[in-house]
Amino acid sequence: MAASATLHLLERPQLHGHRIQYSDALHLLIIDETVIPCTPTEYSLLQALLQHAGEGVPINRLLGRPAKQAVEWHTRRNLTQHISRLRARLWPFDLDILCLTGYGYLLLARSHEQATGM
């Protein structure tokens, strides 16, 4: 790891005790000592969701756009694909990203019952 890259610890009680570290310089996310590979776009989306874990994040905020700016259908489709890939990477840690139709996305920890299907 480069000497200038710093790992930061994310403190979010909504994520049920997971140890989450990240490096903006490397676009690197580590959950419970497991490296989660991300593209720069996915890393940016995930950072916004992590910083607001347990809260809905508007689509335009995820995209770094003004609140009232229209989002084209192909941009929404690309966002959906990125979120789908992130969900698959977070699922083993009992974390999920929910779509809030017409608003945005929500990162949360699944309960034990949801995680085990019981």
PDB file of N, CA and C in Angstrom:
ATOM      1  N   MET A   1       0.851  -1.170   0.000  1.00  0.00           N
ATOM      2  CA  MET A   1       0.000   0.000   0.000  1.00  0.00           C
ATOM      3  C   MET A   1       0.893   1.228   0.000  1.00  0.00           C
ATOM      4  N   ALA A   2       0.550   2.231  -0.771  1.00  0.00           N
ATOM      5  CA  ALA A   2       1.353   3.436  -0.889  1.00  0.00           C
ATOM      6  C   ALA A   2       1.428   4.169   0.444  1.00  0.00           C
ATOM      7  N   ALA A   3       2.569   4.785   0.687  1.00  0.00           N
ATOM      8  CA  ALA A   3       2.777   5.478   1.959  1.00  0.00           C
ATOM      9  C   ALA A   3       1.806   6.633   2.142  1.00  0.00           C
ATOM     10  N   SER A   4       1.362   7.273   1.051  1.00  0.00           N
ATOM     11  CA  SER A   4       0.474   8.424   1.160  1.00  0.00           C
ATOM     12  C   SER A   4      -0.996   8.022   1.323  1.00  0.00           C
ATOM     13  N   ALA A   5      -1.305   6.753   1.134  1.00  0.00           N
ATOM     14  CA  ALA A   5      -2.689   6.289   1.270  1.00  0.00           C
ATOM     15  C   ALA A   5      -2.987   6.009   2.735  1.00  0.00           C
ATOM     16  N   THR A   6      -4.036   6.640   3.234  1.00  0.00           N
ATOM     17  CA  THR A   6      -4.428   6.484   4.623  1.00  0.00           C
ATOM     18  C   THR A   6      -5.745   5.731   4.693  1.00  0.00           C
ATOM     19  N   LEU A   7      -5.821   4.759   5.581  1.00  0.00           N
ATOM     20  CA  LEU A   7      -7.081   4.065   5.830  1.00  0.00           C
ATOM     21  C   LEU A   7      -7.811   4.792   6.953  1.00  0.00           C
ATOM     22  N   HIS A   8      -9.096   5.063   6.732  1.00  0.00           N
ATOM     23  CA  HIS A   8      -9.930   5.718   7.725  1.00  0.00           C
ATOM     24  C   HIS A   8     -10.937   4.701   8.250  1.00  0.00           C
ATOM     25  N   LEU A   9     -11.262   4.796   9.518  1.00  0.00           N
ATOM     26  CA  LEU A   9     -12.265   3.922  10.118  1.00  0.00           C
ATOM     27  C   LEU A   9     -13.599   4.648  10.107  1.00  0.00           C
ATOM     28  N   LEU A  10     -14.619   3.994   9.560  1.00  0.00           N
ATOM     29  CA  LEU A  10     -15.954   4.572   9.502  1.00  0.00           C
ATOM     30  C   LEU A  10     -16.746   4.099  10.708  1.00  0.00           C
ATOM     31  N   GLU A  11     -17.250   5.034  11.477  1.00  0.00           N
ATOM     32  CA  GLU A  11     -18.042   4.717  12.672  1.00  0.00           C
ATOM     33  C   GLU A  11     -19.516   4.960  12.347  1.00  0.00           C
ATOM     34  N   ARG A  12     -20.268   3.897  12.087  1.00  0.00           N
ATOM     35  CA  ARG A  12     -21.701   4.015  11.802  1.00  0.00           C
ATOM     36  C   ARG A  12     -22.444   2.948  12.599  1.00  0.00           C
ATOM     37  N   PRO A  13     -23.091   3.318  13.716  1.00  0.00           N
ATOM     38  CA  PRO A  13     -23.785   2.324  14.538  1.00  0.00           C
ATOM     39  C   PRO A  13     -24.890   1.587  13.777  1.00  0.00           C
ATOM     40  N   GLN A  14     -25.407   2.152  12.701  1.00  0.00           N
ATOM     41  CA  GLN A  14     -26.469   1.502  11.931  1.00  0.00           C
ATOM     42  C   GLN A  14     -25.966   0.252  11.223  1.00  0.00           C
ATOM     43  N   LEU A  15     -24.654   0.043  11.183  1.00  0.00           N
ATOM     44  CA  LEU A  15     -24.098  -1.090  10.444  1.00  0.00           C
ATOM     45  C   LEU A  15     -23.728  -2.256  11.364  1.00  0.00           C
ATOM     46  N   HIS A  16     -24.310  -2.329  12.545  1.00  0.00           N
ATOM     47  CA  HIS A  16     -24.230  -3.470  13.460  1.00  0.00           C
ATOM     48  C   HIS A  16     -22.825  -4.008  13.700  1.00  0.00           C
ATOM     49  N   GLY A  17     -21.923  -3.161  14.136  1.00  0.00           N
ATOM     50  CA  GLY A  17     -20.629  -3.642  14.592  1.00  0.00           C
ATOM     51  C   GLY A  17     -19.632  -4.031  13.532  1.00  0.00           C
ATOM     52  N   HIS A  18     -19.919  -3.786  12.268  1.00  0.00           N
ATOM     53  CA  HIS A  18     -18.926  -4.076  11.235  1.00  0.00           C
ATOM     54  C   HIS A  18     -17.770  -3.088  11.354  1.00  0.00           C
ATOM     55  N   ARG A  19     -16.579  -3.591  11.160  1.00  0.00           N
ATOM     56  CA  ARG A  19     -15.406  -2.722  11.107  1.00  0.00           C
ATOM     57  C   ARG A  19     -15.206  -2.350   9.642  1.00  0.00           C
ATOM     58  N   ILE A  20     -15.439  -1.084   9.330  1.00  0.00           N
ATOM     59  CA  ILE A  20     -15.360  -0.615   7.951  1.00  0.00           C
ATOM     60  C   ILE A  20     -14.249   0.421   7.849  1.00  0.00           C
ATOM     61  N   GLN A  21     -13.306   0.142   6.966  1.00  0.00           N
ATOM     62  CA  GLN A  21     -12.214   1.066   6.700  1.00  0.00           C
ATOM     63  C   GLN A  21     -12.239   1.422   5.224  1.00  0.00           C
ATOM     64  N   TYR A  22     -11.718   2.613   4.909  1.00  0.00           N
ATOM     65  CA  TYR A  22     -11.707   3.022   3.510  1.00  0.00           C
ATOM     66  C   TYR A  22     -10.524   3.935   3.227  1.00  0.00           C
ATOM     67  N   SER A  23     -10.153   3.983   1.975  1.00  0.00           N
ATOM     68  CA  SER A  23      -9.099   4.882   1.501  1.00  0.00           C
ATOM     69  C   SER A  23      -9.590   5.554   0.233  1.00  0.00           C
ATOM     70  N   ASP A  24      -9.774   6.873   0.303  1.00  0.00           N
ATOM     71  CA  ASP A  24     -10.201   7.620  -0.873  1.00  0.00           C
ATOM     72  C   ASP A  24      -9.123   7.590  -1.959  1.00  0.00           C
ATOM     73  N   ALA A  25      -7.869   7.647  -1.552  1.00  0.00           N
ATOM     74  CA  ALA A  25      -6.771   7.677  -2.517  1.00  0.00           C
ATOM     75  C   ALA A  25      -6.717   6.398  -3.356  1.00  0.00           C
ATOM     76  N   LEU A  26      -7.059   5.262  -2.746  1.00  0.00           N
ATOM     77  CA  LEU A  26      -6.976   3.975  -3.445  1.00  0.00           C
ATOM     78  C   LEU A  26      -8.338   3.444  -3.904  1.00  0.00           C
ATOM     79  N   HIS A  27      -9.420   4.182  -3.583  1.00  0.00           N
ATOM     80  CA  HIS A  27     -10.783   3.691  -3.848  1.00  0.00           C
ATOM     81  C   HIS A  27     -10.935   2.289  -3.264  1.00  0.00           C
ATOM     82  N   LEU A  28     -10.533   2.152  -2.019  1.00  0.00           N
ATOM     83  CA  LEU A  28     -10.473   0.862  -1.353  1.00  0.00           C
ATOM     84  C   LEU A  28     -11.425   0.842  -0.167  1.00  0.00           C
ATOM     85  N   LEU A  29     -12.201  -0.224  -0.059  1.00  0.00           N
ATOM     86  CA  LEU A  29     -13.098  -0.418   1.069  1.00  0.00           C
ATOM     87  C   LEU A  29     -12.775  -1.764   1.686  1.00  0.00           C
ATOM     88  N   ILE A  30     -12.655  -1.794   3.022  1.00  0.00           N
ATOM     89  CA  ILE A  30     -12.389  -3.031   3.749  1.00  0.00           C
ATOM     90  C   ILE A  30     -13.481  -3.190   4.800  1.00  0.00           C
ATOM     91  N   ILE A  31     -14.194  -4.300   4.725  1.00  0.00           N
ATOM     92  CA  ILE A  31     -15.223  -4.609   5.719  1.00  0.00           C
ATOM     93  C   ILE A  31     -14.780  -5.855   6.455  1.00  0.00           C
ATOM     94  N   ASP A  32     -14.644  -5.731   7.768  1.00  0.00           N
ATOM     95  CA  ASP A  32     -14.240  -6.863   8.607  1.00  0.00           C
ATOM     96  C   ASP A  32     -13.021  -7.586   8.024  1.00  0.00           C
ATOM     97  N   GLU A  33     -12.017  -6.834   7.633  1.00  0.00           N
ATOM     98  CA  GLU A  33     -10.743  -7.333   7.109  1.00  0.00           C
ATOM     99  C   GLU A  33     -10.845  -7.975   5.723  1.00  0.00           C
ATOM    100  N   THR A  34     -11.967  -7.790   5.033  1.00  0.00           N
ATOM    101  CA  THR A  34     -12.132  -8.290   3.673  1.00  0.00           C
ATOM    102  C   THR A  34     -12.148  -7.102   2.720  1.00  0.00           C
ATOM    103  N   VAL A  35     -11.284  -7.147   1.704  1.00  0.00           N
ATOM    104  CA  VAL A  35     -11.222  -6.067   0.715  1.00  0.00           C
ATOM    105  C   VAL A  35     -12.406  -6.196  -0.235  1.00  0.00           C
ATOM    106  N   ILE A  36     -13.120  -5.104  -0.432  1.00  0.00           N
ATOM    107  CA  ILE A  36     -14.249  -5.057  -1.349  1.00  0.00           C
ATOM    108  C   ILE A  36     -13.784  -4.282  -2.581  1.00  0.00           C
ATOM    109  N   PRO A  37     -13.618  -4.965  -3.719  1.00  0.00           N
ATOM    110  CA  PRO A  37     -13.162  -4.273  -4.920  1.00  0.00           C
ATOM    111  C   PRO A  37     -14.267  -3.368  -5.475  1.00  0.00           C
ATOM    112  N   CYS A  38     -13.894  -2.165  -5.837  1.00  0.00           N
ATOM    113  CA  CYS A  38     -14.851  -1.196  -6.378  1.00  0.00           C
ATOM    114  C   CYS A  38     -14.215  -0.414  -7.518  1.00  0.00           C
ATOM    115  N   THR A  39     -15.014  -0.100  -8.515  1.00  0.00           N
ATOM    116  CA  THR A  39     -14.581   0.853  -9.521  1.00  0.00           C
ATOM    117  C   THR A  39     -14.646   2.241  -8.872  1.00  0.00           C
ATOM    118  N   PRO A  40     -14.017   3.248  -9.455  1.00  0.00           N
ATOM    119  CA  PRO A  40     -14.131   4.595  -8.883  1.00  0.00           C
ATOM    120  C   PRO A  40     -15.584   5.060  -8.754  1.00  0.00           C
ATOM    121  N   THR A  41     -16.423   4.739  -9.724  1.00  0.00           N
ATOM    122  CA  THR A  41     -17.836   5.130  -9.655  1.00  0.00           C
ATOM    123  C   THR A  41     -18.540   4.415  -8.509  1.00  0.00           C
ATOM    124  N   GLU A  42     -18.329   3.110  -8.394  1.00  0.00           N
ATOM    125  CA  GLU A  42     -18.960   2.353  -7.312  1.00  0.00           C
ATOM    126  C   GLU A  42     -18.469   2.829  -5.950  1.00  0.00           C
ATOM    127  N   TYR A  43     -17.181   3.138  -5.862  1.00  0.00           N
ATOM    128  CA  TYR A  43     -16.625   3.634  -4.606  1.00  0.00           C
ATOM    129  C   TYR A  43     -17.309   4.947  -4.203  1.00  0.00           C
ATOM    130  N   SER A  44     -17.479   5.830  -5.154  1.00  0.00           N
ATOM    131  CA  SER A  44     -18.130   7.117  -4.883  1.00  0.00           C
ATOM    132  C   SER A  44     -19.566   6.903  -4.397  1.00  0.00           C
ATOM    133  N   LEU A  45     -20.306   6.026  -5.069  1.00  0.00           N
ATOM    134  CA  LEU A  45     -21.680   5.728  -4.656  1.00  0.00           C
ATOM    135  C   LEU A  45     -21.706   5.124  -3.262  1.00  0.00           C
ATOM    136  N   LEU A  46     -20.817   4.186  -3.020  1.00  0.00           N
ATOM    137  CA  LEU A  46     -20.776   3.503  -1.730  1.00  0.00           C
ATOM    138  C   LEU A  46     -20.405   4.461  -0.603  1.00  0.00           C
ATOM    139  N   GLN A  47     -19.498   5.382  -0.861  1.00  0.00           N
ATOM    140  CA  GLN A  47     -19.136   6.361   0.166  1.00  0.00           C
ATOM    141  C   GLN A  47     -20.342   7.204   0.560  1.00  0.00           C
ATOM    142  N   ALA A  48     -21.106   7.652  -0.421  1.00  0.00           N
ATOM    143  CA  ALA A  48     -22.304   8.441  -0.113  1.00  0.00           C
ATOM    144  C   ALA A  48     -23.294   7.628   0.716  1.00  0.00           C
ATOM    145  N   LEU A  49     -23.477   6.362   0.353  1.00  0.00           N
ATOM    146  CA  LEU A  49     -24.401   5.501   1.102  1.00  0.00           C
ATOM    147  C   LEU A  49     -23.881   5.199   2.500  1.00  0.00           C
ATOM    148  N   LEU A  50     -22.583   4.950   2.633  1.00  0.00           N
ATOM    149  CA  LEU A  50     -21.996   4.659   3.942  1.00  0.00           C
ATOM    150  C   LEU A  50     -22.074   5.872   4.874  1.00  0.00           C
ATOM    151  N   GLN A  51     -21.803   7.048   4.340  1.00  0.00           N
ATOM    152  CA  GLN A  51     -21.835   8.261   5.161  1.00  0.00           C
ATOM    153  C   GLN A  51     -23.239   8.566   5.671  1.00  0.00           C
ATOM    154  N   HIS A  52     -24.250   8.034   4.980  1.00  0.00           N
ATOM    155  CA  HIS A  52     -25.646   8.258   5.369  1.00  0.00           C
ATOM    156  C   HIS A  52     -26.353   6.937   5.642  1.00  0.00           C
ATOM    157  N   ALA A  53     -25.625   5.960   6.157  1.00  0.00           N
ATOM    158  CA  ALA A  53     -26.208   4.639   6.438  1.00  0.00           C
ATOM    159  C   ALA A  53     -27.448   4.795   7.310  1.00  0.00           C
ATOM    160  N   GLY A  54     -28.494   4.085   6.930  1.00  0.00           N
ATOM    161  CA  GLY A  54     -29.747   4.163   7.666  1.00  0.00           C
ATOM    162  C   GLY A  54     -30.637   5.311   7.231  1.00  0.00           C
ATOM    163  N   GLU A  55     -30.171   6.123   6.277  1.00  0.00           N
ATOM    164  CA  GLU A  55     -30.938   7.258   5.763  1.00  0.00           C
ATOM    165  C   GLU A  55     -31.073   7.107   4.250  1.00  0.00           C
ATOM    166  N   GLY A  56     -32.174   7.545   3.711  1.00  0.00           N
ATOM    167  CA  GLY A  56     -32.331   7.548   2.262  1.00  0.00           C
ATOM    168  C   GLY A  56     -31.428   8.600   1.644  1.00  0.00           C
ATOM    169  N   VAL A  57     -30.774   8.238   0.548  1.00  0.00           N
ATOM    170  CA  VAL A  57     -29.903   9.176  -0.165  1.00  0.00           C
ATOM    171  C   VAL A  57     -30.533   9.429  -1.531  1.00  0.00           C
ATOM    172  N   PRO A  58     -30.888  10.693  -1.832  1.00  0.00           N
ATOM    173  CA  PRO A  58     -31.515  11.000  -3.122  1.00  0.00           C
ATOM    174  C   PRO A  58     -30.611  10.640  -4.302  1.00  0.00           C
ATOM    175  N   ILE A  59     -31.237  10.248  -5.400  1.00  0.00           N
ATOM    176  CA  ILE A  59     -30.492   9.879  -6.610  1.00  0.00           C
ATOM    177  C   ILE A  59     -29.556  11.004  -7.037  1.00  0.00           C
ATOM    178  N   ASN A  60     -30.043  12.228  -7.055  1.00  0.00           N
ATOM    179  CA  ASN A  60     -29.199  13.332  -7.516  1.00  0.00           C
ATOM    180  C   ASN A  60     -27.984  13.538  -6.619  1.00  0.00           C
ATOM    181  N   ARG A  61     -28.116  13.296  -5.316  1.00  0.00           N
ATOM    182  CA  ARG A  61     -26.954  13.408  -4.432  1.00  0.00           C
ATOM    183  C   ARG A  61     -25.939  12.314  -4.760  1.00  0.00           C
ATOM    184  N   LEU A  62     -26.436  11.102  -5.024  1.00  0.00           N
ATOM    185  CA  LEU A  62     -25.534  10.009  -5.395  1.00  0.00           C
ATOM    186  C   LEU A  62     -24.769  10.334  -6.675  1.00  0.00           C
ATOM    187  N   LEU A  63     -25.431  11.034  -7.579  1.00  0.00           N
ATOM    188  CA  LEU A  63     -24.823  11.383  -8.860  1.00  0.00           C
ATOM    189  C   LEU A  63     -24.043  12.690  -8.818  1.00  0.00           C
ATOM    190  N   GLY A  64     -24.086  13.389  -7.683  1.00  0.00           N
ATOM    191  CA  GLY A  64     -23.382  14.665  -7.566  1.00  0.00           C
ATOM    192  C   GLY A  64     -24.012  15.760  -8.408  1.00  0.00           C
ATOM    193  N   ARG A  65     -25.328  15.748  -8.497  1.00  0.00           N
ATOM    194  CA  ARG A  65     -26.065  16.721  -9.317  1.00  0.00           C
ATOM    195  C   ARG A  65     -26.942  17.600  -8.439  1.00  0.00           C
ATOM    196  N   PRO A  66     -27.336  18.774  -8.964  1.00  0.00           N
ATOM    197  CA  PRO A  66     -28.301  19.616  -8.234  1.00  0.00           C
ATOM    198  C   PRO A  66     -29.605  18.859  -7.999  1.00  0.00           C
ATOM    199  N   ALA A  67     -30.265  19.166  -6.905  1.00  0.00           N
ATOM    200  CA  ALA A  67     -31.450  18.422  -6.467  1.00  0.00           C
ATOM    201  C   ALA A  67     -32.565  18.379  -7.506  1.00  0.00           C
ATOM    202  N   LYS A  68     -32.788  19.422  -8.234  1.00  0.00           N
ATOM    203  CA  LYS A  68     -33.922  19.487  -9.159  1.00  0.00           C
ATOM    204  C   LYS A  68     -33.568  19.086 -10.592  1.00  0.00           C
ATOM    205  N   GLN A  69     -32.320  18.752 -10.861  1.00  0.00           N
ATOM    206  CA  GLN A  69     -31.912  18.410 -12.221  1.00  0.00           C
ATOM    207  C   GLN A  69     -32.490  17.055 -12.629  1.00  0.00           C
ATOM    208  N   ALA A  70     -33.050  16.999 -13.818  1.00  0.00           N
ATOM    209  CA  ALA A  70     -33.620  15.748 -14.329  1.00  0.00           C
ATOM    210  C   ALA A  70     -32.509  14.726 -14.571  1.00  0.00           C
ATOM    211  N   VAL A  71     -32.834  13.459 -14.339  1.00  0.00           N
ATOM    212  CA  VAL A  71     -31.880  12.369 -14.563  1.00  0.00           C
ATOM    213  C   VAL A  71     -32.387  11.545 -15.745  1.00  0.00           C
ATOM    214  N   GLU A  72     -31.546  11.422 -16.759  1.00  0.00           N
ATOM    215  CA  GLU A  72     -31.920  10.702 -17.970  1.00  0.00           C
ATOM    216  C   GLU A  72     -32.093   9.214 -17.668  1.00  0.00           C
ATOM    217  N   TRP A  73     -32.900   8.546 -18.498  1.00  0.00           N
ATOM    218  CA  TRP A  73     -33.186   7.126 -18.287  1.00  0.00           C
ATOM    219  C   TRP A  73     -31.924   6.282 -18.330  1.00  0.00           C
ATOM    220  N   HIS A  74     -30.996   6.588 -19.238  1.00  0.00           N
ATOM    221  CA  HIS A  74     -29.782   5.766 -19.342  1.00  0.00           C
ATOM    222  C   HIS A  74     -28.876   5.971 -18.129  1.00  0.00           C
ATOM    223  N   THR A  75     -28.908   7.153 -17.536  1.00  0.00           N
ATOM    224  CA  THR A  75     -28.134   7.398 -16.316  1.00  0.00           C
ATOM    225  C   THR A  75     -28.726   6.607 -15.159  1.00  0.00           C
ATOM    226  N   ARG A  76     -30.053   6.582 -15.075  1.00  0.00           N
ATOM    227  CA  ARG A  76     -30.725   5.786 -14.034  1.00  0.00           C
ATOM    228  C   ARG A  76     -30.415   4.297 -14.209  1.00  0.00           C
ATOM    229  N   ARG A  77     -30.427   3.840 -15.460  1.00  0.00           N
ATOM    230  CA  ARG A  77     -30.116   2.430 -15.733  1.00  0.00           C
ATOM    231  C   ARG A  77     -28.691   2.102 -15.293  1.00  0.00           C
ATOM    232  N   ASN A  78     -27.741   2.972 -15.628  1.00  0.00           N
ATOM    233  CA  ASN A  78     -26.353   2.749 -15.214  1.00  0.00           C
ATOM    234  C   ASN A  78     -26.226   2.760 -13.693  1.00  0.00           C
ATOM    235  N   LEU A  79     -26.925   3.677 -13.042  1.00  0.00           N
ATOM    236  CA  LEU A  79     -26.900   3.730 -11.575  1.00  0.00           C
ATOM    237  C   LEU A  79     -27.453   2.426 -11.001  1.00  0.00           C
ATOM    238  N   THR A  80     -28.545   1.937 -11.552  1.00  0.00           N
ATOM    239  CA  THR A  80     -29.146   0.685 -11.087  1.00  0.00           C
ATOM    240  C   THR A  80     -28.165  -0.469 -11.222  1.00  0.00           C
ATOM    241  N   GLN A  81     -27.431  -0.509 -12.317  1.00  0.00           N
ATOM    242  CA  GLN A  81     -26.446  -1.576 -12.518  1.00  0.00           C
ATOM    243  C   GLN A  81     -25.310  -1.484 -11.495  1.00  0.00           C
ATOM    244  N   HIS A  82     -24.818  -0.281 -11.236  1.00  0.00           N
ATOM    245  CA  HIS A  82     -23.767  -0.113 -10.223  1.00  0.00           C
ATOM    246  C   HIS A  82     -24.265  -0.538  -8.841  1.00  0.00           C
ATOM    247  N   ILE A  83     -25.471  -0.113  -8.495  1.00  0.00           N
ATOM    248  CA  ILE A  83     -26.047  -0.464  -7.192  1.00  0.00           C
ATOM    249  C   ILE A  83     -26.226  -1.975  -7.086  1.00  0.00           C
ATOM    250  N   SER A  84     -26.654  -2.617  -8.151  1.00  0.00           N
ATOM    251  CA  SER A  84     -26.832  -4.071  -8.146  1.00  0.00           C
ATOM    252  C   SER A  84     -25.511  -4.781  -7.852  1.00  0.00           C
ATOM    253  N   ARG A  85     -24.433  -4.328  -8.481  1.00  0.00           N
ATOM    254  CA  ARG A  85     -23.118  -4.936  -8.222  1.00  0.00           C
ATOM    255  C   ARG A  85     -22.666  -4.690  -6.784  1.00  0.00           C
ATOM    256  N   LEU A  86     -22.932  -3.492  -6.274  1.00  0.00           N
ATOM    257  CA  LEU A  86     -22.571  -3.206  -4.874  1.00  0.00           C
ATOM    258  C   LEU A  86     -23.380  -4.063  -3.911  1.00  0.00           C
ATOM    259  N   ARG A  87     -24.660  -4.238  -4.180  1.00  0.00           N
ATOM    260  CA  ARG A  87     -25.499  -5.086  -3.314  1.00  0.00           C
ATOM    261  C   ARG A  87     -24.916  -6.490  -3.221  1.00  0.00           C
ATOM    262  N   ALA A  88     -24.487  -7.028  -4.359  1.00  0.00           N
ATOM    263  CA  ALA A  88     -23.919  -8.382  -4.372  1.00  0.00           C
ATOM    264  C   ALA A  88     -22.647  -8.452  -3.530  1.00  0.00           C
ATOM    265  N   ARG A  89     -21.858  -7.398  -3.528  1.00  0.00           N
ATOM    266  CA  ARG A  89     -20.612  -7.396  -2.745  1.00  0.00           C
ATOM    267  C   ARG A  89     -20.866  -7.207  -1.256  1.00  0.00           C
ATOM    268  N   LEU A  90     -21.945  -6.514  -0.909  1.00  0.00           N
ATOM    269  CA  LEU A  90     -22.252  -6.242   0.500  1.00  0.00           C
ATOM    270  C   LEU A  90     -23.093  -7.333   1.145  1.00  0.00           C
ATOM    271  N   TRP A  91     -23.810  -8.112   0.345  1.00  0.00           N
ATOM    272  CA  TRP A  91     -24.729  -9.141   0.852  1.00  0.00           C
ATOM    273  C   TRP A  91     -24.066 -10.105   1.837  1.00  0.00           C
ATOM    274  N   PRO A  92     -22.832 -10.601   1.577  1.00  0.00           N
ATOM    275  CA  PRO A  92     -22.209 -11.536   2.527  1.00  0.00           C
ATOM    276  C   PRO A  92     -21.973 -10.939   3.921  1.00  0.00           C
ATOM    277  N   PHE A  93     -22.024  -9.614   4.028  1.00  0.00           N
ATOM    278  CA  PHE A  93     -21.815  -8.944   5.320  1.00  0.00           C
ATOM    279  C   PHE A  93     -23.142  -8.559   5.968  1.00  0.00           C
ATOM    280  N   ASP A  94     -24.238  -9.115   5.448  1.00  0.00           N
ATOM    281  CA  ASP A  94     -25.587  -8.811   5.939  1.00  0.00           C
ATOM    282  C   ASP A  94     -25.914  -7.333   5.797  1.00  0.00           C
ATOM    283  N   LEU A  95     -25.370  -6.706   4.760  1.00  0.00           N
ATOM    284  CA  LEU A  95     -25.694  -5.321   4.428  1.00  0.00           C
ATOM    285  C   LEU A  95     -26.483  -5.330   3.127  1.00  0.00           C
ATOM    286  N   ASP A  96     -27.409  -4.390   2.998  1.00  0.00           N
ATOM    287  CA  ASP A  96     -28.236  -4.332   1.801  1.00  0.00           C
ATOM    288  C   ASP A  96     -28.441  -2.884   1.385  1.00  0.00           C
ATOM    289  N   ILE A  97     -28.715  -2.699   0.110  1.00  0.00           N
ATOM    290  CA  ILE A  97     -29.057  -1.386  -0.428  1.00  0.00           C
ATOM    291  C   ILE A  97     -30.469  -1.509  -0.976  1.00  0.00           C
ATOM    292  N   LEU A  98     -31.378  -0.745  -0.399  1.00  0.00           N
ATOM    293  CA  LEU A  98     -32.768  -0.776  -0.838  1.00  0.00           C
ATOM    294  C   LEU A  98     -33.048   0.391  -1.769  1.00  0.00           C
ATOM    295  N   CYS A  99     -33.858   0.131  -2.785  1.00  0.00           N
ATOM    296  CA  CYS A  99     -34.307   1.187  -3.687  1.00  0.00           C
ATOM    297  C   CYS A  99     -35.519   1.864  -3.065  1.00  0.00           C
ATOM    298  N   LEU A 100     -35.459   3.168  -2.967  1.00  0.00           N
ATOM    299  CA  LEU A 100     -36.599   3.956  -2.510  1.00  0.00           C
ATOM    300  C   LEU A 100     -37.196   4.587  -3.769  1.00  0.00           C
ATOM    301  N   THR A 101     -38.162   3.912  -4.353  1.00  0.00           N
ATOM    302  CA  THR A 101     -38.705   4.278  -5.660  1.00  0.00           C
ATOM    303  C   THR A 101     -39.058   5.762  -5.731  1.00  0.00           C
ATOM    304  N   GLY A 102     -38.539   6.394  -6.761  1.00  0.00           N
ATOM    305  CA  GLY A 102     -38.805   7.809  -6.985  1.00  0.00           C
ATOM    306  C   GLY A 102     -37.973   8.743  -6.120  1.00  0.00           C
ATOM    307  N   TYR A 103     -37.100   8.189  -5.266  1.00  0.00           N
ATOM    308  CA  TYR A 103     -36.303   9.022  -4.364  1.00  0.00           C
ATOM    309  C   TYR A 103     -34.817   8.724  -4.474  1.00  0.00           C
ATOM    310  N   GLY A 104     -34.418   7.502  -4.105  1.00  0.00           N
ATOM    311  CA  GLY A 104     -32.996   7.182  -4.091  1.00  0.00           C
ATOM    312  C   GLY A 104     -32.751   5.796  -3.531  1.00  0.00           C
ATOM    313  N   TYR A 105     -31.712   5.680  -2.693  1.00  0.00           N
ATOM    314  CA  TYR A 105     -31.305   4.386  -2.148  1.00  0.00           C
ATOM    315  C   TYR A 105     -30.991   4.511  -0.667  1.00  0.00           C
ATOM    316  N   LEU A 106     -31.061   3.368   0.025  1.00  0.00           N
ATOM    317  CA  LEU A 106     -30.855   3.297   1.464  1.00  0.00           C
ATOM    318  C   LEU A 106     -29.957   2.111   1.779  1.00  0.00           C
ATOM    319  N   LEU A 107     -28.844   2.366   2.469  1.00  0.00           N
ATOM    320  CA  LEU A 107     -27.946   1.303   2.928  1.00  0.00           C
ATOM    321  C   LEU A 107     -28.318   0.955   4.356  1.00  0.00           C
ATOM    322  N   LEU A 108     -28.501  -0.337   4.616  1.00  0.00           N
ATOM    323  CA  LEU A 108     -28.821  -0.758   5.976  1.00  0.00           C
ATOM    324  C   LEU A 108     -28.319  -2.164   6.234  1.00  0.00           C
ATOM    325  N   ALA A 109     -28.242  -2.491   7.486  1.00  0.00           N
ATOM    326  CA  ALA A 109     -27.872  -3.842   7.904  1.00  0.00           C
ATOM    327  C   ALA A 109     -29.149  -4.671   7.986  1.00  0.00           C
ATOM    328  N   ARG A 110     -29.091  -5.879   7.428  1.00  0.00           N
ATOM    329  CA  ARG A 110     -30.229  -6.779   7.519  1.00  0.00           C
ATOM    330  C   ARG A 110     -30.255  -7.375   8.917  1.00  0.00           C
ATOM    331  N   SER A 111     -31.451  -7.617   9.434  1.00  0.00           N
ATOM    332  CA  SER A 111     -31.575  -8.270  10.728  1.00  0.00           C
ATOM    333  C   SER A 111     -31.151  -9.725  10.592  1.00  0.00           C
ATOM    334  N   HIS A 112     -30.899 -10.381  11.700  1.00  0.00           N
ATOM    335  CA  HIS A 112     -30.506 -11.792  11.659  1.00  0.00           C
ATOM    336  C   HIS A 112     -31.568 -12.625  10.964  1.00  0.00           C
ATOM    337  N   GLU A 113     -32.855 -12.317  11.207  1.00  0.00           N
ATOM    338  CA  GLU A 113     -33.944 -13.047  10.584  1.00  0.00           C
ATOM    339  C   GLU A 113     -33.930 -12.877   9.075  1.00  0.00           C
ATOM    340  N   GLN A 114     -33.689 -11.635   8.610  1.00  0.00           N
ATOM    341  CA  GLN A 114     -33.631 -11.388   7.170  1.00  0.00           C
ATOM    342  C   GLN A 114     -32.416 -12.068   6.563  1.00  0.00           C
ATOM    343  N   ALA A 115     -31.302 -12.032   7.261  1.00  0.00           N
ATOM    344  CA  ALA A 115     -30.046 -12.584   6.733  1.00  0.00           C
ATOM    345  C   ALA A 115     -30.118 -14.103   6.612  1.00  0.00           C
ATOM    346  N   THR A 116     -30.794 -14.772   7.549  1.00  0.00           N
ATOM    347  CA  THR A 116     -30.842 -16.222   7.548  1.00  0.00           C
ATOM    348  C   THR A 116     -32.109 -16.771   6.908  1.00  0.00           C
ATOM    349  N   GLY A 117     -33.062 -15.882   6.622  1.00  0.00           N
ATOM    350  CA  GLY A 117     -34.325 -16.331   6.015  1.00  0.00           C
ATOM    351  C   GLY A 117     -35.259 -16.982   7.002  1.00  0.00           C
ATOM    352  N   MET A 118     -35.048 -16.763   8.295  1.00  0.00           N
ATOM    353  CA  MET A 118     -35.899 -17.375   9.327  1.00  0.00           C
ATOM    354  C   MET A 118     -36.900 -16.382   9.849  1.00  0.00           C
TER     355      MET A 118
END
